[in-house]
Amino acid sequence: MALKKCHECGHQVSTSAPACPSCGAKVKKGMGCGTLLLALFLSFIGMIVLLGALGIWSASARRSEEVNAAIDSKKAFEKSKREFENSISEKFRLLVEKKNANDVQGALKILREFETFKRADYDGVDALKTQILTAGALERLRTTAPTEINVIHGIFIELSRLNPENPEYAQQVSKYADAVKQAEIVRIAQESEARVKAQKERERNIKESTSSLVAHKDEVEGITWYKHKESPKSDASKAIFAYIGKKEGSLWLRMKITYTADDWLFIKNFTFNIDGTSYSLPISYFRDRKSDNSGGKIWEWVDLMVDAESFALLNKVSRSSRTILRYEGQQYYSDRVVSSSEKLIIQQILTAFSALGGLPPSR
């Protein structure tokens, strides 16, 4: 049996008692779990109904706005049409006046009003329309350069359609149709010649750019590797260079940095000072770093896929006046100046990569 304090006198009273035995005040009943869950469920349902009603109201309001806008637009059009009808004789007089004054643009503007309000059937408008459109076409013909034969051909087609009884326009249509065909033949020939020339230029660039490279085909992987003739043949060296990989039309760059000495550095990072500005090339010690030793000599190296940042770094190194490369080890470091031949090799590899169709890696 649960007890609680009476809200009147403060004495303990059973929650199941109808009234307090001390003061007689009625015991307020609490809300049971079932009642609470039912209330929450009904509140949830009520919220869904309310949101649905709001959505319906919003959609209805939008439709109402669209309908009102359409009604307003129709009313505005009907008003303009009534005003036009009331002044139609004056509009026609102005149309004739503009036409006689060779004001083609002004006449066309008035003519569009007759067409907009579907009154092209008004006395004499059709005849004037043909004359005005013919005058407009002739005006465009006068201002079109003789070399624009496609445009001229189109204008004569328009004139022939407007004036089918005039044989001269039909003759000009035929004449310029032949000229258009001939111009198309010349254009195709010129484009073909330009493509052949561009292809030869690309082939010449590729030949020149790759003349200093050596290709090696990996028959197992199906990859052709392009390396510079002067690149180090062994990892037991101190060098930085790049090389190219190609497979089934895909092209990519890799870069290699090598180090050799009498003792280990355990390289974990590279820093480049390029013309006074420092750039860092971090590596993963366990994933990227490779090492070997023999005859009292050690060598460490990394062989990395070139990404956008390292591509930019290689560009800067190849064009620099002076680059210092720091091999940063676990405790010590070693500095050296990147040689002119190394920079030239990198530059020639990047040029060949572009000539072969390679694109800079995206970030």
Protein backbone atom coordinates (compact mmCIF):
# COMPACT_ATOMS: atom_id res chain seq x y z
CA MET A 1 0.00 0.00 0.00
CA ALA A 2 1.50 3.33 -1.06
CA LEU A 3 1.37 6.38 1.23
CA LYS A 4 1.61 10.06 0.53
CA LYS A 5 1.13 13.34 2.41
CA CYS A 6 -2.32 14.87 2.60
CA HIS A 7 -2.36 18.12 0.63
CA GLU A 8 -4.38 19.78 3.42
CA CYS A 9 -3.01 18.63 6.80
CA GLY A 10 0.26 16.89 5.85
CA HIS A 11 -0.55 13.56 7.58
CA GLN A 12 0.28 10.28 5.86
CA VAL A 13 -2.65 8.84 3.95
CA SER A 14 -3.10 5.80 1.69
CA THR A 15 -3.22 6.54 -2.04
CA SER A 16 -6.20 4.18 -2.27
CA ALA A 17 -8.21 5.93 0.52
CA PRO A 18 -11.09 8.12 -0.66
CA ALA A 19 -10.35 10.79 1.99
CA CYS A 20 -7.80 11.74 4.67
CA PRO A 21 -8.74 10.04 8.01
CA SER A 22 -7.29 13.04 9.88
CA CYS A 23 -8.94 16.04 8.17
CA GLY A 24 -11.41 14.48 5.76
CA ALA A 25 -9.93 16.11 2.66
CA LYS A 26 -10.40 14.12 -0.53
CA VAL A 27 -7.28 12.31 -1.75
CA LYS A 28 -6.10 13.47 -5.17
CA LYS A 29 -5.60 10.51 -7.47
CA GLY A 30 -2.32 10.39 -9.46
CA MET A 31 -2.12 9.48 -13.11
CA GLY A 32 -1.33 5.79 -13.66
CA CYS A 33 1.23 4.55 -16.20
CA GLY A 34 -1.48 3.34 -18.56
CA THR A 35 -3.25 6.69 -18.41
CA LEU A 36 0.02 8.53 -18.98
CA LEU A 37 0.91 6.40 -22.02
CA LEU A 38 -2.57 6.90 -23.44
CA ALA A 39 -2.27 10.67 -22.97
CA LEU A 40 1.13 10.72 -24.70
CA PHE A 41 -0.19 8.60 -27.58
CA LEU A 42 -3.21 10.86 -28.03
CA SER A 43 -0.91 13.92 -27.95
CA PHE A 44 1.29 12.36 -30.63
CA ILE A 45 -1.72 11.58 -32.83
CA GLY A 46 -2.99 15.10 -32.30
CA MET A 47 0.37 16.57 -33.36
CA ILE A 48 0.37 14.47 -36.55
CA VAL A 49 -3.15 15.60 -37.36
CA LEU A 50 -2.18 19.22 -36.70
CA LEU A 51 0.92 19.02 -38.92
CA GLY A 52 -1.11 17.37 -41.67
CA ALA A 53 -3.72 20.10 -41.42
CA LEU A 54 -1.01 22.76 -41.58
CA GLY A 55 0.49 21.10 -44.68
CA ILE A 56 -2.91 20.94 -46.38
CA TRP A 57 -3.56 24.58 -45.47
CA SER A 58 -0.14 25.63 -46.78
CA ALA A 59 -0.62 23.77 -50.09
CA SER A 60 -4.13 25.20 -50.38
CA ALA A 61 -2.77 28.69 -49.73
CA ARG A 62 -0.14 28.26 -52.47
CA ARG A 63 -2.73 27.02 -54.93
CA SER A 64 -4.95 29.92 -54.01
CA GLU A 65 -2.08 32.36 -54.65
CA GLU A 66 -1.39 30.75 -58.03
CA VAL A 67 -5.06 30.90 -59.00
CA ASN A 68 -5.28 34.55 -57.90
CA ALA A 69 -2.13 35.38 -59.87
CA ALA A 70 -3.59 33.71 -62.97
CA ILE A 71 -6.87 35.59 -62.51
CA ASP A 72 -5.02 38.90 -62.08
CA SER A 73 -2.94 38.18 -65.19
CA LYS A 74 -6.05 37.38 -67.19
CA LYS A 75 -7.78 40.54 -65.96
CA ALA A 76 -4.73 42.63 -66.91
CA PHE A 77 -4.69 41.05 -70.38
CA GLU A 78 -8.42 41.64 -70.86
CA LYS A 79 -8.00 45.26 -69.79
CA SER A 80 -5.13 45.77 -72.24
CA LYS A 81 -7.18 44.11 -74.97
CA ARG A 82 -10.15 46.44 -74.34
CA GLU A 83 -7.84 49.46 -74.46
CA PHE A 84 -6.35 48.17 -77.71
CA GLU A 85 -9.81 47.59 -79.23
CA ASN A 86 -10.85 51.11 -78.27
CA SER A 87 -7.83 52.54 -80.08
CA ILE A 88 -7.51 50.02 -82.89
CA SER A 89 -8.16 52.52 -85.67
CA GLU A 90 -5.48 54.83 -84.26
CA LYS A 91 -3.08 51.87 -83.95
CA PHE A 92 -3.71 51.00 -87.60
CA ARG A 93 -3.06 54.60 -88.66
CA LEU A 94 0.26 54.57 -86.73
CA LEU A 95 1.15 51.23 -88.32
CA VAL A 96 0.67 52.67 -91.81
CA GLU A 97 2.60 55.81 -90.83
CA LYS A 98 5.57 53.81 -89.49
CA LYS A 99 5.58 51.59 -92.57
CA ASN A 100 5.54 54.56 -94.98
CA ALA A 101 8.33 56.22 -93.00
CA ASN A 102 10.44 53.04 -93.31
CA ASP A 103 10.48 52.80 -89.51
CA VAL A 104 10.62 49.00 -89.58
CA GLN A 105 11.23 48.52 -85.86
CA GLY A 106 8.43 50.87 -84.87
CA ALA A 107 6.05 49.16 -87.32
CA LEU A 108 7.02 45.71 -86.02
CA LYS A 109 6.30 46.81 -82.44
CA ILE A 110 2.75 47.88 -83.38
CA LEU A 111 2.28 44.78 -85.53
CA ARG A 112 3.08 42.58 -82.52
CA GLU A 113 0.20 44.22 -80.65
CA PHE A 114 -2.22 43.23 -83.43
CA GLU A 115 -0.91 39.66 -83.25
CA THR A 116 -0.94 39.53 -79.43
CA PHE A 117 -4.63 40.50 -79.29
CA LYS A 118 -5.45 38.28 -82.31
CA ARG A 119 -6.51 41.17 -84.57
CA ALA A 120 -4.22 40.49 -87.54
CA ASP A 121 -7.51 40.18 -89.48
CA TYR A 122 -8.14 43.92 -89.08
CA ASP A 123 -8.58 45.81 -92.35
CA GLY A 124 -5.32 45.67 -94.34
CA VAL A 125 -3.10 44.41 -91.50
CA ASP A 126 -2.15 41.16 -93.26
CA ALA A 127 -0.94 42.99 -96.37
CA LEU A 128 0.98 45.48 -94.27
CA LYS A 129 2.47 42.62 -92.26
CA THR A 130 4.00 41.09 -95.42
CA GLN A 131 5.39 44.46 -96.49
CA ILE A 132 6.81 45.25 -93.03
CA LEU A 133 8.42 41.81 -92.56
CA THR A 134 9.88 42.04 -96.09
CA ALA A 135 11.32 45.47 -95.28
CA GLY A 136 12.77 44.10 -92.03
CA ALA A 137 14.38 41.18 -93.86
CA LEU A 138 15.84 43.47 -96.52
CA GLU A 139 17.21 45.75 -93.79
CA ARG A 140 18.97 42.78 -92.15
CA LEU A 141 20.26 41.72 -95.56
CA ARG A 142 21.87 45.14 -96.07
CA THR A 143 23.64 45.00 -92.71
CA THR A 144 24.88 41.38 -92.98
CA ALA A 145 28.49 40.81 -93.98
CA PRO A 146 28.90 39.02 -97.35
CA THR A 147 30.87 36.27 -95.62
CA GLU A 148 27.87 35.33 -93.45
CA ILE A 149 26.40 33.11 -96.15
CA ASN A 150 24.36 30.98 -93.73
CA VAL A 151 22.63 34.12 -92.41
CA ILE A 152 22.08 35.48 -95.93
CA HIS A 153 20.66 32.13 -97.04
CA GLY A 154 18.21 32.19 -94.12
CA ILE A 155 17.10 35.75 -94.97
CA PHE A 156 16.40 34.81 -98.60
CA ILE A 157 14.38 31.80 -97.42
CA GLU A 158 12.31 34.19 -95.30
CA LEU A 159 11.88 36.62 -98.23
CA SER A 160 10.86 33.80 -100.56
CA ARG A 161 8.28 32.58 -98.05
CA LEU A 162 6.86 36.07 -97.62
CA ASN A 163 6.85 36.76 -101.37
CA PRO A 164 6.31 33.45 -103.20
CA GLU A 165 5.41 35.32 -106.40
CA ASN A 166 8.89 36.87 -106.59
CA PRO A 167 11.19 34.48 -108.56
CA GLU A 168 14.33 36.46 -107.70
CA TYR A 169 14.15 35.44 -104.03
CA ALA A 170 13.76 31.75 -104.99
CA GLN A 171 16.82 32.03 -107.25
CA GLN A 172 18.84 33.56 -104.42
CA VAL A 173 17.75 30.76 -102.09
CA SER A 174 19.09 28.19 -104.58
CA LYS A 175 22.29 30.14 -105.14
CA TYR A 176 23.09 30.52 -101.45
CA ALA A 177 22.10 26.89 -100.72
CA ASP A 178 24.92 25.85 -103.08
CA ALA A 179 27.27 28.35 -101.41
CA VAL A 180 26.37 26.99 -97.96
CA LYS A 181 27.11 23.42 -99.09
CA GLN A 182 30.44 24.49 -100.57
CA ALA A 183 31.34 26.39 -97.40
CA GLU A 184 30.50 23.32 -95.33
CA ILE A 185 32.79 21.20 -97.51
CA VAL A 186 35.59 23.75 -97.03
CA ARG A 187 34.94 23.90 -93.27
CA ILE A 188 35.09 20.12 -92.90
CA ALA A 189 38.30 19.98 -94.93
CA GLN A 190 39.87 22.74 -92.84
CA GLU A 191 38.86 21.07 -89.57
CA SER A 192 40.24 17.74 -90.80
CA GLU A 193 43.50 19.44 -91.79
CA ALA A 194 43.68 21.18 -88.41
CA ARG A 195 43.12 17.86 -86.59
CA VAL A 196 45.87 16.17 -88.59
CA LYS A 197 48.20 19.09 -87.90
CA ALA A 198 47.37 19.04 -84.18
CA GLN A 199 47.92 15.27 -84.03
CA LYS A 200 51.30 15.61 -85.72
CA GLU A 201 52.20 18.41 -83.28
CA ARG A 202 51.18 16.21 -80.32
CA GLU A 203 53.24 13.32 -81.69
CA ARG A 204 56.24 15.62 -82.18
CA ASN A 205 55.85 16.94 -78.60
CA ILE A 206 55.61 13.40 -77.23
CA LYS A 207 58.68 12.32 -79.19
CA GLU A 208 60.70 15.32 -78.03
CA SER A 209 59.47 15.10 -74.42
CA THR A 210 60.11 11.38 -74.08
CA SER A 211 63.43 11.28 -75.94
CA SER A 212 65.29 11.31 -72.63
CA LEU A 213 63.09 8.59 -71.08
CA VAL A 214 63.44 4.82 -70.99
CA ALA A 215 60.27 2.67 -71.07
CA HIS A 216 60.02 -0.64 -69.24
CA LYS A 217 56.96 -2.90 -69.54
CA ASP A 218 55.87 -4.92 -66.51
CA GLU A 219 54.27 -7.88 -68.30
CA VAL A 220 52.67 -9.23 -65.12
CA GLU A 221 50.99 -5.99 -63.99
CA GLY A 222 50.48 -4.64 -67.51
CA ILE A 223 52.15 -1.34 -66.53
CA THR A 224 54.64 0.60 -68.63
CA TRP A 225 57.08 2.61 -66.52
CA TYR A 226 58.82 5.67 -67.97
CA LYS A 227 62.01 6.71 -66.18
CA HIS A 228 64.63 9.29 -67.07
CA LYS A 229 67.87 7.91 -68.51
CA GLU A 230 69.83 9.80 -65.85
CA SER A 231 67.70 8.69 -62.88
CA PRO A 232 69.65 6.67 -60.26
CA LYS A 233 69.72 2.97 -61.06
CA SER A 234 70.06 1.99 -57.38
CA ASP A 235 68.32 3.00 -54.16
CA ALA A 236 71.76 3.22 -52.55
CA SER A 237 72.03 6.90 -53.52
CA LYS A 238 71.09 10.40 -52.45
CA ALA A 239 68.52 11.62 -54.93
CA ILE A 240 65.03 12.90 -55.60
CA PHE A 241 63.33 12.08 -58.90
CA ALA A 242 59.94 11.31 -60.45
CA TYR A 243 58.76 8.73 -62.95
CA ILE A 244 55.60 7.88 -64.90
CA GLY A 245 53.28 4.88 -64.87
CA LYS A 246 50.84 4.02 -67.68
CA LYS A 247 48.21 1.29 -67.91
CA GLU A 248 45.26 1.02 -70.32
CA GLY A 249 45.08 4.75 -70.94
CA SER A 250 45.55 5.71 -67.27
CA LEU A 251 48.59 7.84 -66.47
CA TRP A 252 50.08 8.68 -63.09
CA LEU A 253 53.24 9.99 -61.42
CA ARG A 254 55.39 8.60 -58.63
CA MET A 255 58.31 10.20 -56.83
CA LYS A 256 61.29 8.61 -55.13
CA ILE A 257 63.61 10.08 -52.49
CA THR A 258 66.69 8.04 -51.59
CA TYR A 259 69.37 8.32 -48.88
CA THR A 260 72.59 6.39 -48.25
CA ALA A 261 75.25 6.69 -45.52
CA ASP A 262 77.33 4.69 -43.04
CA ASP A 263 74.67 4.81 -40.33
CA TRP A 264 70.90 4.84 -40.06
CA LEU A 265 68.79 7.98 -39.83
CA PHE A 266 65.45 6.16 -39.56
CA ILE A 267 63.84 8.84 -41.75
CA LYS A 268 60.38 10.01 -40.66
CA ASN A 269 59.97 13.24 -42.62
CA PHE A 270 61.42 15.43 -45.41
CA THR A 271 61.70 19.22 -45.38
CA PHE A 272 62.46 21.27 -48.49
CA ASN A 273 63.82 24.81 -48.32
CA ILE A 274 62.98 26.14 -51.79
CA ASP A 275 64.46 29.58 -52.45
CA GLY A 276 64.06 30.48 -48.78
CA THR A 277 60.59 29.00 -48.18
CA SER A 278 60.21 25.73 -46.27
CA TYR A 279 57.80 22.93 -47.24
CA SER A 280 57.22 19.69 -45.35
CA LEU A 281 56.65 16.26 -46.90
CA PRO A 282 55.49 13.97 -44.08
CA ILE A 283 55.57 10.20 -44.56
CA SER A 284 54.28 7.15 -42.73
CA TYR A 285 57.34 5.59 -41.10
CA PHE A 286 56.00 2.05 -41.18
CA ARG A 287 54.12 2.19 -44.49
CA ASP A 288 56.28 4.41 -46.73
CA ARG A 289 59.84 4.06 -45.47
CA LYS A 290 61.96 1.26 -46.96
CA SER A 291 65.52 0.32 -46.03
CA ASP A 292 68.39 -2.06 -46.76
CA ASN A 293 72.09 -2.40 -46.03
CA SER A 294 75.19 -4.14 -47.41
CA GLY A 295 78.96 -3.96 -47.01
CA GLY A 296 78.83 -1.47 -44.15
CA LYS A 297 76.50 0.89 -46.05
CA ILE A 298 72.83 1.56 -45.34
CA TRP A 299 70.19 3.06 -47.57
CA GLU A 300 66.69 4.33 -46.88
CA TRP A 301 64.10 5.46 -49.39
CA VAL A 302 60.44 6.25 -50.06
CA ASP A 303 58.49 5.62 -53.27
CA LEU A 304 55.31 7.71 -53.17
CA MET A 305 52.28 8.24 -55.39
CA VAL A 306 52.31 11.91 -56.43
CA ASP A 307 49.23 13.79 -55.16
CA ALA A 308 48.25 17.43 -55.65
CA GLU A 309 50.56 18.71 -52.88
CA SER A 310 53.62 16.71 -53.92
CA PHE A 311 52.97 17.59 -57.60
CA ALA A 312 53.14 21.28 -56.67
CA LEU A 313 56.26 20.58 -54.60
CA LEU A 314 58.01 18.88 -57.54
CA ASN A 315 57.14 21.83 -59.77
CA LYS A 316 58.65 24.27 -57.27
CA VAL A 317 61.82 22.18 -56.85
CA SER A 318 62.34 21.82 -60.62
CA ARG A 319 62.08 25.59 -61.19
CA SER A 320 63.98 26.72 -58.11
CA SER A 321 67.33 28.49 -58.00
CA ARG A 322 68.34 26.63 -54.84
CA THR A 323 66.65 23.80 -52.95
CA ILE A 324 67.95 22.25 -49.74
CA LEU A 325 66.55 18.81 -48.90
CA ARG A 326 66.59 17.79 -45.24
CA TYR A 327 66.27 14.09 -44.36
CA GLU A 328 64.77 14.15 -40.84
CA GLY A 329 65.49 11.06 -38.73
CA GLN A 330 64.40 9.92 -35.29
CA GLN A 331 67.29 11.77 -33.59
CA TYR A 332 69.43 13.29 -36.33
CA TYR A 333 69.06 14.84 -39.76
CA SER A 334 71.09 15.26 -42.92
CA ASP A 335 70.95 18.21 -45.36
CA ARG A 336 72.03 18.42 -48.98
CA VAL A 337 71.48 20.75 -51.97
CA VAL A 338 69.38 19.31 -54.78
CA SER A 339 71.58 19.33 -57.87
CA SER A 340 70.84 21.05 -61.18
CA SER A 341 70.70 17.67 -62.94
CA GLU A 342 68.07 16.41 -60.46
CA LYS A 343 65.93 19.51 -61.08
CA LEU A 344 66.29 19.09 -64.84
CA ILE A 345 65.25 15.41 -64.64
CA ILE A 346 62.14 16.32 -62.62
CA GLN A 347 61.26 19.10 -65.08
CA GLN A 348 61.64 16.80 -68.10
CA ILE A 349 59.52 14.09 -66.44
CA LEU A 350 56.72 16.60 -65.70
CA THR A 351 56.88 17.87 -69.31
CA ALA A 352 56.69 14.31 -70.66
CA PHE A 353 53.80 13.52 -68.32
CA SER A 354 51.84 16.46 -69.76
CA ALA A 355 52.75 15.58 -73.37
CA LEU A 356 51.52 12.01 -72.84
CA GLY A 357 48.16 13.40 -71.74
CA GLY A 358 48.65 13.42 -67.97
CA LEU A 359 46.74 15.92 -65.84
CA PRO A 360 47.83 17.42 -62.51
CA PRO A 361 46.31 15.42 -59.60
CA SER A 362 43.23 17.05 -58.12
CA ARG A 363 43.02 17.98 -54.48
